Protein backbone atom coordinates (compact mmCIF):
# COMPACT_ATOMS: atom_id res chain seq x y z
CA UNK A 1 -0.15 -0.08 -0.23
CA UNK A 2 1.47 3.60 -0.87
CA UNK A 3 2.34 6.37 1.88
CA UNK A 4 0.25 9.17 2.29
CA UNK A 5 1.24 10.88 -0.91
CA UNK A 6 1.39 14.95 -0.01
CA UNK A 7 2.60 16.18 -3.67
CA UNK A 8 -1.35 15.52 -5.01
CA UNK A 9 -3.76 18.13 -5.04
CA UNK A 10 -5.65 16.02 -2.48
CA UNK A 11 -3.38 14.39 -0.31
CA UNK A 12 -4.01 10.17 -0.15
CA UNK A 13 -2.85 6.81 0.80
CA UNK A 14 -5.14 5.23 -1.93
CA UNK A 15 -3.29 6.05 -4.98
CA UNK A 16 -5.78 8.38 -6.24
CA UNK A 17 -3.60 9.28 -9.32
CA UNK A 18 -4.66 5.90 -11.02
CA UNK A 19 -7.93 6.18 -11.07
CA UNK A 20 -8.09 9.77 -13.13
CA UNK A 21 -12.04 9.75 -13.24
CA UNK A 22 -12.55 9.47 -9.56
CA UNK A 23 -9.46 12.20 -9.02
CA UNK A 24 -11.32 14.78 -11.11
CA UNK A 25 -14.38 14.25 -9.45
CA UNK A 26 -13.22 15.20 -5.39
CA UNK A 27 -11.06 17.56 -7.30
CA UNK A 28 -14.01 19.06 -8.63
CA UNK A 29 -15.76 18.80 -5.13
CA UNK A 30 -12.72 20.31 -3.11
CA UNK A 31 -13.31 24.28 -4.03
CA UNK A 32 -17.03 23.82 -2.96
CA UNK A 33 -15.77 22.11 0.27
CA UNK A 34 -13.54 25.12 0.77
CA UNK A 35 -16.26 27.44 0.03
CA UNK A 36 -18.26 25.89 2.54
CA UNK A 37 -15.53 26.09 5.10
CA UNK A 38 -15.06 29.70 4.55
CA UNK A 39 -18.80 30.28 4.77
CA UNK A 40 -19.53 28.08 7.75
CA UNK A 41 -16.21 26.99 9.38
CA UNK A 42 -14.53 28.60 12.36
CA UNK A 43 -15.64 32.44 12.25
CA UNK A 44 -12.84 35.12 11.83
CA UNK A 45 -9.95 32.98 12.21
CA UNK A 46 -8.86 31.58 8.94
CA UNK A 47 -6.33 34.06 8.33
CA UNK A 48 -4.47 32.72 11.61
CA UNK A 49 -1.57 30.26 11.98
CA UNK A 50 -2.52 27.75 14.28
CA UNK A 51 -0.54 25.02 15.82
CA UNK A 52 -2.06 21.79 14.29
CA UNK A 53 -1.32 18.23 13.67
CA UNK A 54 -1.69 16.81 10.27
CA UNK A 55 -1.47 13.41 9.55
CA UNK A 56 1.56 11.81 7.73
CA UNK A 57 0.97 8.23 8.37
CA UNK A 58 -1.74 5.62 9.11
CA UNK A 59 -0.03 3.61 11.84
CA UNK A 60 -0.36 4.40 15.69
CA UNK A 61 3.23 5.67 16.04
CA UNK A 62 4.52 8.95 14.89
CA UNK A 63 1.61 8.79 12.26
CA UNK A 64 1.30 13.17 13.18
CA UNK A 65 3.30 16.09 12.27
CA UNK A 66 2.71 19.29 14.02
CA UNK A 67 3.13 22.97 12.58
CA UNK A 68 1.64 25.96 11.83
CA UNK A 69 -0.63 26.21 9.18
CA UNK A 70 -4.19 28.54 8.20
CA UNK A 71 -7.26 26.68 8.29
CA UNK A 72 -7.99 26.92 4.52
CA UNK A 73 -4.56 25.51 3.75
CA UNK A 74 -4.88 22.55 6.00
CA UNK A 75 -3.90 19.44 4.26
CA UNK A 76 -7.23 17.78 4.00
CA UNK A 77 -6.96 14.31 2.82
CA UNK A 78 -7.88 10.76 2.18
CA UNK A 79 -6.39 8.03 4.63
CA UNK A 80 -6.86 4.47 4.95
CA UNK A 81 -5.54 2.21 7.86
CA UNK A 82 -3.32 -0.33 6.15
CA UNK A 83 -5.27 -3.62 4.67
CA UNK A 84 -5.30 -6.80 6.79
CA UNK A 85 -4.28 -9.77 4.60
CA UNK A 86 -6.90 -11.88 3.18
CA UNK A 87 -9.37 -10.44 5.43
CA UNK A 88 -12.96 -12.14 6.06
CA UNK A 89 -16.17 -10.78 7.32
CA UNK A 90 -16.45 -11.56 11.08
CA UNK A 91 -20.29 -11.76 11.59
CA UNK A 92 -23.74 -12.01 9.92
CA UNK A 93 -24.74 -14.03 7.27
CA UNK A 94 -21.65 -13.56 5.22
CA UNK A 95 -19.27 -14.27 8.18
CA UNK A 96 -16.17 -16.34 6.95
CA UNK A 97 -16.37 -14.73 3.23
CA UNK A 98 -14.06 -12.60 1.95
CA UNK A 99 -14.41 -9.06 2.89
CA UNK A 100 -15.50 -7.00 -0.37
CA UNK A 101 -13.64 -4.68 -2.17
CA UNK A 102 -16.76 -3.02 -3.96
CA UNK A 103 -20.17 -2.73 -2.82
CA UNK A 104 -22.60 -5.34 -3.15
CA UNK A 105 -25.45 -4.42 -5.18
CA UNK A 106 -27.62 -5.90 -2.79
CA UNK A 107 -26.75 -3.73 -0.11
CA UNK A 108 -26.07 -0.52 -1.91
CA UNK A 109 -28.96 1.84 -0.36
CA UNK A 110 -28.26 0.40 2.86
CA UNK A 111 -24.37 1.30 3.00
CA UNK A 112 -24.89 4.64 0.91
CA UNK A 113 -27.29 5.43 3.92
CA UNK A 114 -24.89 4.57 6.76
CA UNK A 115 -22.14 6.59 4.81
CA UNK A 116 -24.50 9.48 4.54
CA UNK A 117 -25.56 9.72 8.04
CA UNK A 118 -21.86 9.32 9.41
CA UNK A 119 -20.67 12.08 6.71
CA UNK A 120 -23.38 14.52 7.54
CA UNK A 121 -22.37 14.62 11.11
CA UNK A 122 -18.77 15.89 10.15
CA UNK A 123 -19.72 19.27 8.82
CA UNK A 124 -22.87 19.69 11.21
CA UNK A 125 -19.88 19.34 14.34
CA UNK A 126 -17.92 22.33 12.41
CA UNK A 127 -21.39 24.55 11.91
CA UNK A 128 -22.28 23.99 15.43
CA UNK A 129 -19.05 25.14 16.56
CA UNK A 130 -18.13 27.75 14.51
CA UNK A 131 -18.42 31.17 16.54
CA UNK A 132 -16.66 29.58 19.85
CA UNK A 133 -13.25 30.83 18.91
CA UNK A 134 -14.44 34.42 19.48
CA UNK A 135 -15.06 33.02 23.50
CA UNK A 136 -12.25 30.67 24.08
CA UNK A 137 -11.10 30.69 27.65
CA UNK A 138 -7.14 30.29 26.45
CA UNK A 139 -4.98 29.83 23.42
CA UNK A 140 -4.34 26.29 24.44
CA UNK A 141 -8.42 25.84 23.82
CA UNK A 142 -8.68 27.83 21.06
CA UNK A 143 -6.14 25.39 19.15
CA UNK A 144 -7.90 22.40 20.49
CA UNK A 145 -11.29 23.64 18.92
CA UNK A 146 -9.64 24.12 15.66
CA UNK A 147 -8.15 20.88 15.76
CA UNK A 148 -11.28 18.80 16.30
CA UNK A 149 -12.79 21.41 13.72
CA UNK A 150 -10.47 20.39 10.77
CA UNK A 151 -10.17 16.97 11.60
CA UNK A 152 -14.07 16.66 11.52
CA UNK A 153 -13.71 18.21 7.98
CA UNK A 154 -11.15 15.76 7.19
CA UNK A 155 -13.70 12.61 8.50
CA UNK A 156 -16.02 14.33 5.90
CA UNK A 157 -13.21 14.02 3.34
CA UNK A 158 -13.09 10.28 4.33
CA UNK A 159 -17.01 9.62 3.96
CA UNK A 160 -16.71 11.64 0.58
CA UNK A 161 -14.23 9.65 -0.83
CA UNK A 162 -16.30 6.56 -0.39
CA UNK A 163 -19.34 8.22 -2.08
CA UNK A 164 -17.41 9.14 -5.13
CA UNK A 165 -15.52 6.18 -5.18
CA UNK A 166 -17.99 3.13 -4.68
CA UNK A 167 -21.56 5.09 -5.47
CA UNK A 168 -21.37 6.55 -8.79
CA UNK A 169 -23.86 9.35 -9.76
CA UNK A 170 -25.91 8.81 -6.37
CA UNK A 171 -22.76 9.21 -4.29
CA UNK A 172 -21.54 12.31 -6.19
CA UNK A 173 -25.41 14.10 -5.31
CA UNK A 174 -25.17 13.07 -2.15
CA UNK A 175 -21.37 14.72 -1.58
CA UNK A 176 -23.09 17.78 -2.83
CA UNK A 177 -26.01 17.53 -0.26
CA UNK A 178 -23.69 17.42 2.26
CA UNK A 179 -22.45 20.94 1.82
CA UNK A 180 -25.72 22.23 1.41
CA UNK A 181 -27.80 21.09 4.78
CA UNK A 182 -27.18 23.61 7.70
CA UNK A 183 -26.97 22.82 11.62
CA UNK A 184 -30.18 24.06 12.92
CA UNK A 185 -31.55 25.33 9.60
CA UNK A 186 -35.43 24.74 10.13
CA UNK A 187 -35.76 24.38 6.15
CA UNK A 188 -32.73 21.94 5.41
CA UNK A 189 -31.23 20.66 8.78
CA UNK A 190 -28.58 18.20 9.35
CA UNK A 191 -30.08 14.59 9.28
CA UNK A 192 -29.49 13.83 13.31
CA UNK A 193 -31.18 15.83 16.06
CA UNK A 194 -28.09 16.25 18.15
CA UNK A 195 -26.45 17.73 15.12
CA UNK A 196 -29.20 20.70 15.21
CA UNK A 197 -28.64 21.46 18.73
CA UNK A 198 -27.21 24.83 19.58
CA UNK A 199 -23.62 24.71 21.09
CA UNK A 200 -23.17 28.36 22.24
CA UNK A 201 -20.80 28.03 25.24
CA UNK A 202 -17.77 26.26 25.76
CA UNK A 203 -19.34 23.62 28.82
CA UNK A 204 -21.68 22.84 25.79
CA UNK A 205 -18.67 22.32 23.45
CA UNK A 206 -16.65 20.23 26.42
CA UNK A 207 -20.23 18.15 26.88
CA UNK A 208 -19.98 17.91 22.96
CA UNK A 209 -16.63 16.67 22.78
CA UNK A 210 -17.28 13.98 25.84
CA UNK A 211 -20.67 12.70 24.75
CA UNK A 212 -21.59 13.16 21.42
CA UNK A 213 -18.25 12.51 19.76
CA UNK A 214 -17.88 9.05 21.92
CA UNK A 215 -21.27 8.29 20.46
CA UNK A 216 -19.29 8.84 17.14
CA UNK A 217 -16.39 6.38 18.60
CA UNK A 218 -18.97 3.46 18.86
CA UNK A 219 -20.73 4.30 15.83
CA UNK A 220 -16.89 3.99 13.75
CA UNK A 221 -16.01 0.88 16.05
CA UNK A 222 -19.25 -0.86 14.69
CA UNK A 223 -18.54 0.21 10.90
CA UNK A 224 -14.79 -0.68 11.53
CA UNK A 225 -16.08 -4.32 11.57
CA UNK A 226 -17.79 -4.05 8.27
CA UNK A 227 -17.54 -6.37 5.37
CA UNK A 228 -16.80 -3.48 2.99
CA UNK A 229 -13.31 -3.03 3.51
CA UNK A 230 -12.63 0.18 2.40
CA UNK A 231 -15.40 1.43 4.92
CA UNK A 232 -13.63 -0.58 7.89
CA UNK A 233 -10.12 0.91 6.82
CA UNK A 234 -11.39 4.46 6.80
CA UNK A 235 -13.23 3.93 10.17
CA UNK A 236 -9.92 2.48 11.62
CA UNK A 237 -8.12 5.56 11.21
CA UNK A 238 -10.59 8.05 11.81
CA UNK A 239 -10.84 6.37 15.31
CA UNK A 240 -6.99 7.66 15.45
CA UNK A 241 -8.02 11.09 15.76
CA UNK A 242 -11.18 11.01 17.11
CA UNK A 243 -9.61 9.85 20.10
CA UNK A 244 -8.34 13.39 20.49
CA UNK A 245 -11.76 14.93 20.13
CA UNK A 246 -12.96 12.81 23.39
CA UNK A 247 -9.63 13.97 25.15
CA UNK A 248 -10.84 17.68 24.84
CA UNK A 249 -13.89 17.27 26.02
CA UNK A 250 -13.36 14.82 29.06
CA UNK A 251 -10.28 16.74 30.37
CA UNK A 252 -11.93 20.11 29.53
CA UNK A 253 -14.62 19.14 31.68
CA UNK A 254 -12.28 17.95 34.18
CA UNK A 255 -10.93 21.32 34.56
CA UNK A 256 -14.09 23.16 34.67
CA UNK A 257 -14.89 20.74 37.69
CA UNK A 258 -11.41 21.43 39.02
CA UNK A 259 -11.54 25.46 39.19
CA UNK A 260 -14.86 25.41 40.83
CA UNK A 261 -13.34 22.91 43.42
CA UNK A 262 -10.69 25.50 44.04
CA UNK A 263 -13.19 28.23 43.95
CA UNK A 264 -15.26 26.21 46.81
CA UNK A 265 -12.15 25.56 48.81
CA UNK A 266 -10.83 29.19 48.70
CA UNK A 267 -14.25 30.70 49.57
CA UNK A 268 -16.33 27.81 51.73
CA UNK A 269 -19.24 30.01 52.25
CA UNK A 270 -19.32 32.02 48.61
CA UNK A 271 -21.92 31.14 46.05
CA UNK A 272 -19.04 30.01 43.23
CA UNK A 273 -21.10 32.41 40.80
CA UNK A 274 -20.06 34.84 42.72
CA UNK A 275 -16.64 34.56 42.12
CA UNK A 276 -16.99 33.74 38.22
CA UNK A 277 -17.16 29.87 38.72
CA UNK A 278 -19.81 27.25 37.35
CA UNK A 279 -21.36 25.59 40.00
CA UNK A 280 -21.41 21.67 40.00
CA UNK A 281 -25.16 21.28 39.77
CA UNK A 282 -25.11 23.46 36.09
CA UNK A 283 -22.26 21.34 35.06
CA UNK A 284 -24.49 18.21 36.01
CA UNK A 285 -27.42 19.60 34.26
CA UNK A 286 -25.58 20.10 31.14
CA UNK A 287 -24.04 16.42 31.06
CA UNK A 288 -27.64 15.23 31.41
CA UNK A 289 -28.52 17.15 28.55
CA UNK A 290 -25.68 16.04 26.20
CA UNK A 291 -25.26 12.54 27.50
CA UNK A 292 -29.19 11.88 26.66
CA UNK A 293 -29.28 13.85 23.46
CA UNK A 294 -26.09 11.58 22.71
CA UNK A 295 -28.25 8.65 23.44
CA UNK A 296 -30.56 9.37 20.93
CA UNK A 297 -28.01 8.59 17.94
CA UNK A 298 -27.78 5.24 18.31
CA UNK A 299 -31.55 4.69 17.13
CA UNK A 300 -34.31 2.78 18.03
CA UNK A 301 -33.87 0.01 20.86
CA UNK A 302 -35.59 -2.47 18.93
CA UNK A 303 -34.70 -2.42 15.20
CA UNK A 304 -35.07 -3.89 12.23
CA UNK A 305 -32.56 -1.70 10.29
CA UNK A 306 -29.79 -2.96 13.06
CA UNK A 307 -30.68 -6.33 12.71
CA UNK A 308 -30.31 -6.30 8.68
CA UNK A 309 -27.22 -4.33 8.92
CA UNK A 310 -25.88 -6.68 11.00
CA UNK A 311 -27.32 -10.12 9.12
CA UNK A 312 -25.72 -8.27 6.07
CA UNK A 313 -22.07 -8.08 7.15
CA UNK A 314 -22.52 -4.11 7.00
CA UNK A 315 -22.25 -3.24 10.45
CA UNK A 316 -21.23 -5.20 13.51
CA UNK A 317 -21.01 -5.04 17.26
CA UNK A 318 -17.82 -2.59 18.83
CA UNK A 319 -14.84 -4.60 18.25
CA UNK A 320 -16.90 -7.78 17.13
CA UNK A 321 -13.60 -9.80 16.10
CA UNK A 322 -12.43 -9.75 19.74
CA UNK A 323 -15.79 -10.38 21.75
CA UNK A 324 -16.06 -14.09 22.79
CA UNK A 325 -19.75 -14.34 21.58
CA UNK A 326 -21.85 -16.14 18.87
CA UNK A 327 -20.75 -14.17 15.61
CA UNK A 328 -24.01 -15.17 13.78
CA UNK A 329 -26.15 -13.92 16.37
CA UNK A 330 -28.79 -16.29 15.26
CA UNK A 331 -30.19 -17.71 18.47
CA UNK A 332 -29.83 -15.39 21.28
CA UNK A 333 -32.27 -12.73 22.79
CA UNK A 334 -31.75 -9.19 24.40
CA UNK A 335 -33.61 -8.65 27.77
CA UNK A 336 -35.27 -5.16 27.58
CA UNK A 337 -36.78 -2.79 29.92
CA UNK A 338 -40.10 -1.57 28.07
CA UNK A 339 -43.47 0.45 29.07
CA UNK A 340 -46.48 -1.45 29.34
CA UNK A 341 -49.72 -0.38 30.97
CA UNK A 342 -47.74 2.60 32.97
CA UNK A 343 -44.80 0.38 34.26
CA UNK A 344 -41.21 -0.92 33.11
CA UNK A 345 -41.23 -4.96 32.62
CA UNK A 346 -38.79 -6.83 31.05
CA UNK A 347 -39.35 -8.45 27.62
CA UNK A 348 -36.85 -10.49 25.39
CA UNK A 349 -36.34 -9.30 21.81
CA UNK A 350 -34.09 -11.30 19.27
CA UNK A 351 -30.30 -10.44 19.86
CA UNK A 352 -29.81 -8.96 15.87
CA UNK A 353 -32.73 -6.60 16.72
CA UNK A 354 -30.99 -5.07 19.71
CA UNK A 355 -27.92 -4.15 18.42
CA UNK A 356 -28.48 -0.52 18.97
CA UNK A 357 -29.20 -1.33 22.28
CA UNK A 358 -26.13 -3.48 22.62
CA UNK A 359 -23.83 -0.84 21.04
CA UNK A 360 -25.48 1.71 23.51
CA UNK A 361 -24.67 -0.34 26.33
CA UNK A 362 -20.77 -0.02 25.63
CA UNK A 363 -21.41 3.16 25.29
CA UNK A 364 -22.85 3.70 28.64
CA UNK A 365 -20.28 1.73 30.28
CA UNK A 366 -17.74 4.08 28.89
CA UNK A 367 -19.48 6.96 29.96
CA UNK A 368 -19.42 5.94 33.32
CA UNK A 369 -15.80 5.91 33.20
CA UNK A 370 -15.67 9.25 32.65
CA UNK A 371 -17.93 9.90 35.86
CA UNK A 372 -15.14 8.05 37.90
CA UNK A 373 -12.75 10.27 36.30
CA UNK A 374 -14.64 13.66 37.06
CA UNK A 375 -15.71 12.45 41.16
CA UNK A 376 -11.90 11.82 41.59
CA UNK A 377 -11.35 15.31 40.84
CA UNK A 378 -13.75 16.34 43.71
CA UNK A 379 -12.30 13.41 46.07
CA UNK A 380 -8.75 15.08 45.64
CA UNK A 381 -10.38 18.55 46.57
CA UNK A 382 -12.19 17.20 49.35
CA UNK A 383 -15.56 18.29 47.75
CA UNK A 384 -18.57 16.42 49.14
CA UNK A 385 -20.51 15.91 45.87
CA UNK A 386 -21.04 13.39 43.09
CA UNK A 387 -21.54 13.48 39.57
CA UNK A 388 -23.86 10.76 38.51
CA UNK A 389 -24.73 9.50 34.64
CA UNK A 390 -28.46 9.76 33.73
CA UNK A 391 -30.29 6.98 33.14
CA UNK A 392 -30.35 5.86 29.49
CA UNK A 393 -34.00 6.40 29.76
CA UNK A 394 -34.11 10.20 30.68
CA UNK A 395 -34.90 12.70 28.37
CA UNK A 396 -35.28 10.79 25.25
CA UNK A 397 -36.71 12.06 21.51
CA UNK A 398 -35.88 8.68 19.80
CA UNK A 399 -36.72 4.96 20.58
CA UNK A 400 -39.41 3.23 22.72
CA UNK A 401 -38.69 5.77 25.96
CA UNK A 402 -39.51 8.98 24.02
CA UNK A 403 -43.21 8.96 24.61
CA UNK A 404 -42.68 8.79 28.08
CA UNK A 405 -41.13 10.54 30.87
CA UNK A 406 -38.44 9.26 33.10
CA UNK A 407 -36.58 10.51 36.37
CA UNK A 408 -32.75 10.66 36.25
CA UNK A 409 -32.82 7.38 37.90
CA UNK A 410 -35.44 5.90 34.97
CA UNK A 411 -38.08 5.42 37.15
CA UNK A 412 -41.35 6.39 34.84
CA UNK A 413 -43.03 9.84 35.80
CA UNK A 414 -45.77 11.62 34.62
CA UNK A 415 -45.83 14.88 32.58
CA UNK A 416 -46.39 16.73 35.79
CA UNK A 417 -43.60 15.56 37.91
CA UNK A 418 -41.17 16.12 34.93
CA UNK A 419 -42.23 19.59 34.02
CA UNK A 420 -41.79 20.50 37.98
CA UNK A 421 -38.72 18.80 38.02
CA UNK A 422 -36.80 19.42 34.59
CA UNK A 423 -35.53 23.00 35.88
CA UNK A 424 -33.24 20.71 38.05
CA UNK A 425 -32.85 18.18 35.54
CA UNK A 426 -31.48 19.91 32.34
CA UNK A 427 -29.95 23.25 31.95
CA UNK A 428 -32.53 26.07 32.58
CA UNK A 429 -32.81 29.50 30.66
CA UNK A 430 -31.04 30.82 33.83
CA UNK A 431 -28.35 28.53 33.76
CA UNK A 432 -27.64 28.80 30.15
CA UNK A 433 -27.52 32.87 30.59
CA UNK A 434 -25.27 32.56 33.35
CA UNK A 435 -22.75 30.30 31.82
CA UNK A 436 -23.07 32.34 28.39
CA UNK A 437 -22.25 35.45 30.48
CA UNK A 438 -18.80 33.71 31.58
CA UNK A 439 -17.87 33.33 27.98
CA UNK A 440 -15.33 36.39 27.76
CA UNK A 441 -12.33 35.83 25.50
CA UNK A 442 -8.81 34.89 26.93
CA UNK A 443 -6.66 35.07 24.10
CA UNK A 444 -3.52 36.57 25.75
CA UNK A 445 -0.72 34.08 25.76
CA UNK A 446 -0.01 31.67 28.98
CA UNK A 447 -3.48 33.69 30.55
CA UNK A 448 -6.68 31.50 31.10
CA UNK A 449 -10.23 32.16 32.01
CA UNK A 450 -11.02 32.54 35.67
CA UNK A 451 -13.81 29.61 35.15
CA UNK A 452 -11.71 26.98 34.40
CA UNK A 453 -8.06 25.47 35.30
CA UNK A 454 -5.08 25.32 32.66
CA UNK A 455 -4.55 21.70 31.52
CA UNK A 456 -1.65 19.36 32.94
CA UNK A 457 0.40 19.69 29.94
CA UNK A 458 0.36 21.07 26.45
CA UNK A 459 0.19 19.89 23.34
CA UNK A 460 3.06 17.80 21.78
CA UNK A 461 5.49 18.20 24.67
CA UNK A 462 4.74 22.34 24.58
CA UNK A 463 3.83 24.45 28.03
CA UNK A 464 0.63 25.71 28.25
CA UNK A 465 1.80 29.07 27.67
CA UNK A 466 2.94 28.25 24.24
CA UNK A 467 1.75 30.40 21.33
CA UNK A 468 -0.71 27.89 19.82
CA UNK A 469 -2.66 30.68 17.91
CA UNK A 470 -0.70 33.49 16.18
CA UNK A 471 -3.14 36.27 16.45
C-alpha cells in the first residue's frame, strides 16, 4: 500500500492518481468544500496560523506532524488504515466470506445510507461550533477547538471519498448535498437531531466532545467491522483522530470541575457564581442534557435496520472480532426494559434486533468511566458532591422511551412531575444565560479565563504558555 502522497492536490494513500475519473470528481468537489469551510467553518480565524497536527502516516506511532498552518490551507486528505491480509467478514450471514472490495449490489442502498448519515455529522459539528473561537478561555483551548474542527472536516473527506469512489452518480449527488444542509436550519437541517442543537458556550462544547464524539467512537468501531473493506479501513483511521476529540471534552470538563473546586475551597461560604465559577449542579445538568441527547444517536432499541445491517455484514458490534460471542447472533435474545400499562417490564427481543441497544450498552459503560474520572477530581479536592450519569431512558426523543417521561434514575414519572423537576435536571434558561455570561475571550498568551483550570500539560510536549494560535 502506498504511503500518504502529499505531492497531490488531494493528499491520499489510496493511489488516487491512478483513477483519473475519481481524481477529477474529487478535485471538482474540493473548491466547493473550501467555500463551505469559509462560510460555515470557524468564524474570523481563517487567516491566523494555528499549531495543528496533520496526519503523515496511518500507523499509531509517529503518525502526526505538528506545525503552524492557516486552516483553509490545511491538507485535508483521504487516509485509510493499512489493509489486513486476506481479511474476512467476521459476523452475520456472510461470516467467513472474503471482505468486499466493492459495494455488493444488494446492499448498495443500505451502505449509502449509513455512509451519508455518518458523513453528515462531520460538517454539522463544525457548523455548531463555528462561533466558539470568539469566547475561547485560552489559546490552548482555541487551538484544540480548531484541531477538532479540521479533523471533522477531514472525516467528511473520508466519507466523501467512499461516496464518490463506490456509489457513482448517486454518491456524487449525496456529496454535494452534504455541503448544502446546515446545522439548526429549519428548512434544511442536518440528518440527526443532536447535530442541530445549538452549541453556544464552552461548557456545551466540552460536553459535546465528551458525549457526542463518544457516540461517534462507537459508531466508527461498529463500522470498522464492516464487510466493506474500504469502509472498515476508513473508520479504523478515523478512530485514531477521534480519540483526541474525546480527550478535549473529558479533560475540558475536568478542568471546569477543578476550577470550581478551587473556588469552593478558597471561599467556602460563597456561591461560586459570585466568583465567576460554574456551580457543580449546573455542570451536572449540562452532562444530563448532552448525554441524553447523544443516547438518541444510537437509534431505536428494537430495530429491523440494525438487524438487517448486522445480518448483511455491514455493521457489527464494537470490537466484534475481539468478542467471545456467537458472531452469527442467530439464536440469542436481549432482555429489554419496555413500558407496558404505565410501568417497566422485561421483554426479550431477538439479539439481532437489539444491536443498537448492545452498542448503547458499551457507550453507557464508557461514559461511566468518565464519571469516575470527574468524581476523583472532587475527591482530590475534598468536595462532598457526586456526579452521576443519567439513566439511558432519561430525556429521550428517539426510541421506545421517547413517548414517556423518566427521572434521572430511569423511573417512570408523569408529565406534571417532569415539568416540575426538569429545571433541576437539564439546563434552564437561567443556567444557559449565566454560563454564556462567563464566555469572555482570554486570548492572551499564557493566560486563562477564571472559570476553568489550566491543563496538566500542553500539546506535543509544549507548555501551556506556548503560542498555540498566532493572533
